[in-house]
Amino acid sequence: MKTCIQRVRRAKVTVEGEICGEIGRGMLVLLGVTNGDTEADARFFAEKIAGLRIFEDAAEKMNLSLSDVGGAMLVVSQFTLYGDCRKGRRPSFTDAAPPETAEKLYDVFVAAIAALKIPVATGRFRQQMEIELVNDGPVTLVLECRGESILYTALG
């Protein structure tokens, strides 16, 4: 699994002019699923991301988690995180899991966030979506989970 996480002041996702998911302060999580990902991976990754201390405390240090600040999470499926642009000019998406598998693991991820008592909103799987956000910081992290190993990159 791979995510692009943005700390936001607010975010919303719209499908065909209808808002289907909206949050205030929290995280926008774009979630990609790859071949070989499991339900255990989805649950592990959800707990890892929910516990990230990327919100500032009174000393302006990133020491607080989503729960600590009473934040919410907006989770949007994003198979293009597995786009491979190494050859040619058109991305290949062969590393993205088939839609049926990806949707199941996306649902497991969302349920795991909800089980942590974190308010969670979602986009609509396999739909054309418009996402609006106000990035806070900006703070953007790219994390990839392989089993219980986390690879991450901080952007911004």
C-alpha atoms as a PDB file:
ATOM      1  CA  MET A   1       0.000   0.000   0.000  1.00  0.00           C
ATOM      2  CA  LYS A   2       1.073   3.514  -0.677  1.00  0.00           C
ATOM      3  CA  THR A   3      -0.335   6.791   0.591  1.00  0.00           C
ATOM      4  CA  CYS A   4       0.046  10.473   0.088  1.00  0.00           C
ATOM      5  CA  ILE A   5      -0.955  12.136   3.361  1.00  0.00           C
ATOM      6  CA  GLN A   6      -1.646  15.832   3.648  1.00  0.00           C
ATOM      7  CA  ARG A   7      -2.265  17.641   6.909  1.00  0.00           C
ATOM      8  CA  VAL A   8      -5.273  19.830   6.169  1.00  0.00           C
ATOM      9  CA  ARG A   9      -7.340  22.576   7.705  1.00  0.00           C
ATOM     10  CA  ARG A  10     -10.266  21.245   5.691  1.00  0.00           C
ATOM     11  CA  ALA A  11     -10.896  18.959   2.727  1.00  0.00           C
ATOM     12  CA  LYS A  12     -13.811  17.651   0.706  1.00  0.00           C
ATOM     13  CA  VAL A  13     -14.457  15.297  -2.155  1.00  0.00           C
ATOM     14  CA  THR A  14     -17.233  15.781  -4.684  1.00  0.00           C
ATOM     15  CA  VAL A  15     -18.728  13.342  -7.189  1.00  0.00           C
ATOM     16  CA  GLU A  16     -21.015  14.685  -9.925  1.00  0.00           C
ATOM     17  CA  GLY A  17     -21.509  17.941  -8.025  1.00  0.00           C
ATOM     18  CA  GLU A  18     -22.444  16.205  -4.747  1.00  0.00           C
ATOM     19  CA  ILE A  19     -20.182  16.401  -1.680  1.00  0.00           C
ATOM     20  CA  CYS A  20     -19.687  12.802  -0.579  1.00  0.00           C
ATOM     21  CA  GLY A  21     -16.973  13.324   2.026  1.00  0.00           C
ATOM     22  CA  GLU A  22     -15.873  16.368   3.997  1.00  0.00           C
ATOM     23  CA  ILE A  23     -13.691  17.059   7.038  1.00  0.00           C
ATOM     24  CA  GLY A  24     -12.339  19.987   8.995  1.00  0.00           C
ATOM     25  CA  ARG A  25      -8.903  19.775  10.609  1.00  0.00           C
ATOM     26  CA  GLY A  26      -7.180  16.469   9.979  1.00  0.00           C
ATOM     27  CA  MET A  27      -5.610  14.386   7.243  1.00  0.00           C
ATOM     28  CA  LEU A  28      -6.412  13.816   3.606  1.00  0.00           C
ATOM     29  CA  VAL A  29      -5.154  10.324   2.791  1.00  0.00           C
ATOM     30  CA  LEU A  30      -4.846   9.251  -0.844  1.00  0.00           C
ATOM     31  CA  LEU A  31      -4.609   5.447  -0.668  1.00  0.00           C
ATOM     32  CA  GLY A  32      -3.219   3.136  -3.339  1.00  0.00           C
ATOM     33  CA  VAL A  33      -3.324  -0.654  -3.140  1.00  0.00           C
ATOM     34  CA  THR A  34      -0.834  -2.923  -4.916  1.00  0.00           C
ATOM     35  CA  ASN A  35      -0.693  -6.599  -5.761  1.00  0.00           C
ATOM     36  CA  GLY A  36       0.079  -8.717  -2.711  1.00  0.00           C
ATOM     37  CA  ASP A  37      -1.387  -6.331  -0.136  1.00  0.00           C
ATOM     38  CA  THR A  38      -3.442  -8.031   2.582  1.00  0.00           C
ATOM     39  CA  GLU A  39      -6.141  -7.155   5.101  1.00  0.00           C
ATOM     40  CA  ALA A  40      -3.477  -7.299   7.825  1.00  0.00           C
ATOM     41  CA  ASP A  41      -1.436  -4.735   5.862  1.00  0.00           C
ATOM     42  CA  ALA A  42      -4.470  -2.447   5.617  1.00  0.00           C
ATOM     43  CA  ARG A  43      -5.152  -2.613   9.355  1.00  0.00           C
ATOM     44  CA  PHE A  44      -1.470  -2.124  10.264  1.00  0.00           C
ATOM     45  CA  PHE A  45      -1.141   0.831   7.889  1.00  0.00           C
ATOM     46  CA  ALA A  46      -4.346   2.451   9.193  1.00  0.00           C
ATOM     47  CA  GLU A  47      -3.056   2.297  12.774  1.00  0.00           C
ATOM     48  CA  LYS A  48       0.350   3.623  11.737  1.00  0.00           C
ATOM     49  CA  ILE A  49      -1.109   6.587   9.852  1.00  0.00           C
ATOM     50  CA  ALA A  50      -3.692   7.418  12.521  1.00  0.00           C
ATOM     51  CA  GLY A  51      -0.903   7.550  15.102  1.00  0.00           C
ATOM     52  CA  LEU A  52       1.443   9.794  13.133  1.00  0.00           C
ATOM     53  CA  ARG A  53       2.421  12.795  15.207  1.00  0.00           C
ATOM     54  CA  ILE A  54       2.249  15.453  12.516  1.00  0.00           C
ATOM     55  CA  PHE A  55       0.244  18.112  14.357  1.00  0.00           C
ATOM     56  CA  GLU A  56       1.967  20.859  16.310  1.00  0.00           C
ATOM     57  CA  ASP A  57       1.866  21.167  20.086  1.00  0.00           C
ATOM     58  CA  ALA A  58       2.049  24.446  22.040  1.00  0.00           C
ATOM     59  CA  ALA A  59       5.822  24.564  21.387  1.00  0.00           C
ATOM     60  CA  GLU A  60       5.208  24.278  17.613  1.00  0.00           C
ATOM     61  CA  LYS A  61       6.757  20.801  17.496  1.00  0.00           C
ATOM     62  CA  MET A  62       5.063  17.999  15.562  1.00  0.00           C
ATOM     63  CA  ASN A  63       4.169  15.946  18.639  1.00  0.00           C
ATOM     64  CA  LEU A  64       0.412  15.428  18.356  1.00  0.00           C
ATOM     65  CA  SER A  65      -1.593  12.754  16.564  1.00  0.00           C
ATOM     66  CA  LEU A  66      -4.951  12.984  14.857  1.00  0.00           C
ATOM     67  CA  SER A  67      -6.707  11.808  18.037  1.00  0.00           C
ATOM     68  CA  ASP A  68      -4.770  14.298  20.178  1.00  0.00           C
ATOM     69  CA  VAL A  69      -6.145  17.226  18.148  1.00  0.00           C
ATOM     70  CA  GLY A  70      -9.650  15.815  17.667  1.00  0.00           C
ATOM     71  CA  GLY A  71      -9.106  15.644  13.917  1.00  0.00           C
ATOM     72  CA  ALA A  72     -10.740  13.619  11.175  1.00  0.00           C
ATOM     73  CA  MET A  73      -9.518  11.687   8.143  1.00  0.00           C
ATOM     74  CA  LEU A  74     -10.709  11.863   4.548  1.00  0.00           C
ATOM     75  CA  VAL A  75      -9.664   8.716   2.669  1.00  0.00           C
ATOM     76  CA  VAL A  76      -9.741   8.670  -1.136  1.00  0.00           C
ATOM     77  CA  SER A  77      -8.770   5.715  -3.323  1.00  0.00           C
ATOM     78  CA  GLN A  78      -5.869   6.562  -5.626  1.00  0.00           C
ATOM     79  CA  PHE A  79      -4.636   3.766  -7.895  1.00  0.00           C
ATOM     80  CA  THR A  80      -2.450   6.260  -9.787  1.00  0.00           C
ATOM     81  CA  LEU A  81      -0.011   6.232  -6.844  1.00  0.00           C
ATOM     82  CA  TYR A  82       1.197   3.024  -8.477  1.00  0.00           C
ATOM     83  CA  GLY A  83       1.727   4.639 -11.866  1.00  0.00           C
ATOM     84  CA  ASP A  84       5.079   3.645 -13.345  1.00  0.00           C
ATOM     85  CA  CYS A  85       6.535   6.341 -15.613  1.00  0.00           C
ATOM     86  CA  ARG A  86       9.994   4.852 -16.153  1.00  0.00           C
ATOM     87  CA  LYS A  87       9.335   3.830 -19.751  1.00  0.00           C
ATOM     88  CA  GLY A  88       7.781   6.028 -22.383  1.00  0.00           C
ATOM     89  CA  ARG A  89       5.390   8.839 -21.601  1.00  0.00           C
ATOM     90  CA  ARG A  90       2.224   6.974 -20.662  1.00  0.00           C
ATOM     91  CA  PRO A  91       2.109   5.614 -17.104  1.00  0.00           C
ATOM     92  CA  SER A  92       1.676   1.887 -16.599  1.00  0.00           C
ATOM     93  CA  PHE A  93      -0.610   0.820 -13.772  1.00  0.00           C
ATOM     94  CA  THR A  94       0.268  -2.882 -13.652  1.00  0.00           C
ATOM     95  CA  ASP A  95       1.473  -2.507 -10.055  1.00  0.00           C
ATOM     96  CA  ALA A  96      -1.982  -1.341  -8.924  1.00  0.00           C
ATOM     97  CA  ALA A  97      -4.173  -4.099  -7.502  1.00  0.00           C
ATOM     98  CA  PRO A  98      -7.263  -5.138  -9.495  1.00  0.00           C
ATOM     99  CA  PRO A  99     -10.302  -2.988  -8.578  1.00  0.00           C
ATOM    100  CA  GLU A 100     -12.102  -5.768  -6.671  1.00  0.00           C
ATOM    101  CA  THR A 101      -9.075  -6.399  -4.447  1.00  0.00           C
ATOM    102  CA  ALA A 102      -8.300  -2.717  -4.037  1.00  0.00           C
ATOM    103  CA  GLU A 103     -11.853  -1.838  -3.013  1.00  0.00           C
ATOM    104  CA  LYS A 104     -11.946  -4.601  -0.408  1.00  0.00           C
ATOM    105  CA  LEU A 105      -8.672  -3.446   1.171  1.00  0.00           C
ATOM    106  CA  TYR A 106      -9.717   0.208   0.946  1.00  0.00           C
ATOM    107  CA  ASP A 107     -12.843  -0.712   2.928  1.00  0.00           C
ATOM    108  CA  VAL A 108     -10.733  -2.597   5.507  1.00  0.00           C
ATOM    109  CA  PHE A 109      -8.482   0.459   5.877  1.00  0.00           C
ATOM    110  CA  VAL A 110     -11.465   2.806   6.376  1.00  0.00           C
ATOM    111  CA  ALA A 111     -13.081   0.418   8.894  1.00  0.00           C
ATOM    112  CA  ALA A 112      -9.800   0.218  10.831  1.00  0.00           C
ATOM    113  CA  ILE A 113      -9.693   4.024  11.091  1.00  0.00           C
ATOM    114  CA  ALA A 114     -13.311   4.115  12.286  1.00  0.00           C
ATOM    115  CA  ALA A 115     -12.543   1.394  14.860  1.00  0.00           C
ATOM    116  CA  LEU A 116      -9.941   3.762  16.334  1.00  0.00           C
ATOM    117  CA  LYS A 117     -12.798   6.222  17.008  1.00  0.00           C
ATOM    118  CA  ILE A 118     -11.456   8.685  14.453  1.00  0.00           C
ATOM    119  CA  PRO A 119     -14.119  10.426  12.361  1.00  0.00           C
ATOM    120  CA  VAL A 120     -13.578   9.236   8.800  1.00  0.00           C
ATOM    121  CA  ALA A 121     -15.072  10.381   5.512  1.00  0.00           C
ATOM    122  CA  THR A 122     -14.488   8.859   2.095  1.00  0.00           C
ATOM    123  CA  GLY A 123     -14.662   9.438  -1.582  1.00  0.00           C
ATOM    124  CA  ARG A 124     -16.418   6.958  -3.891  1.00  0.00           C
ATOM    125  CA  PHE A 125     -14.423   4.061  -5.205  1.00  0.00           C
ATOM    126  CA  ARG A 126     -13.926   3.982  -9.027  1.00  0.00           C
ATOM    127  CA  GLN A 127     -15.620   7.354  -9.512  1.00  0.00           C
ATOM    128  CA  GLN A 128     -14.351  10.564 -11.059  1.00  0.00           C
ATOM    129  CA  MET A 129     -13.798  12.773  -8.007  1.00  0.00           C
ATOM    130  CA  GLU A 130     -12.924  16.399  -7.373  1.00  0.00           C
ATOM    131  CA  ILE A 131     -10.908  17.025  -4.225  1.00  0.00           C
ATOM    132  CA  GLU A 132     -10.567  20.404  -2.577  1.00  0.00           C
ATOM    133  CA  LEU A 133      -8.253  20.992   0.354  1.00  0.00           C
ATOM    134  CA  VAL A 134      -6.478  23.611   2.362  1.00  0.00           C
ATOM    135  CA  ASN A 135      -3.079  22.130   3.170  1.00  0.00           C
ATOM    136  CA  ASP A 136      -1.844  23.040   6.640  1.00  0.00           C
ATOM    137  CA  GLY A 137       1.874  23.776   6.732  1.00  0.00           C
ATOM    138  CA  PRO A 138       2.143  22.478   4.107  1.00  0.00           C
ATOM    139  CA  VAL A 139       2.806  19.033   5.534  1.00  0.00           C
ATOM    140  CA  THR A 140       2.777  16.194   3.021  1.00  0.00           C
ATOM    141  CA  LEU A 141       4.089  12.665   3.582  1.00  0.00           C
ATOM    142  CA  VAL A 142       4.351   9.754   1.197  1.00  0.00           C
ATOM    143  CA  LEU A 143       4.326   6.395   2.988  1.00  0.00           C
ATOM    144  CA  GLU A 144       4.549   2.906   1.567  1.00  0.00           C
ATOM    145  CA  CYS A 145       3.811  -0.215   3.566  1.00  0.00           C
ATOM    146  CA  ARG A 146       5.307  -3.606   2.760  1.00  0.00           C
ATOM    147  CA  GLY A 147       4.104  -5.941   5.469  1.00  0.00           C
ATOM    148  CA  GLU A 148       5.102  -4.180   8.667  1.00  0.00           C
ATOM    149  CA  SER A 149       7.878  -2.163   7.025  1.00  0.00           C
ATOM    150  CA  ILE A 150       7.173   1.493   6.363  1.00  0.00           C
ATOM    151  CA  LEU A 151       8.988   3.538   3.752  1.00  0.00           C
ATOM    152  CA  TYR A 152       8.318   7.254   3.873  1.00  0.00           C
ATOM    153  CA  THR A 153       9.260  10.561   2.353  1.00  0.00           C
ATOM    154  CA  ALA A 154       8.445  13.996   3.752  1.00  0.00           C
ATOM    155  CA  LEU A 155       7.488  16.667   1.237  1.00  0.00           C
ATOM    156  CA  GLY A 156       7.138  20.298   2.267  1.00  0.00           C
END
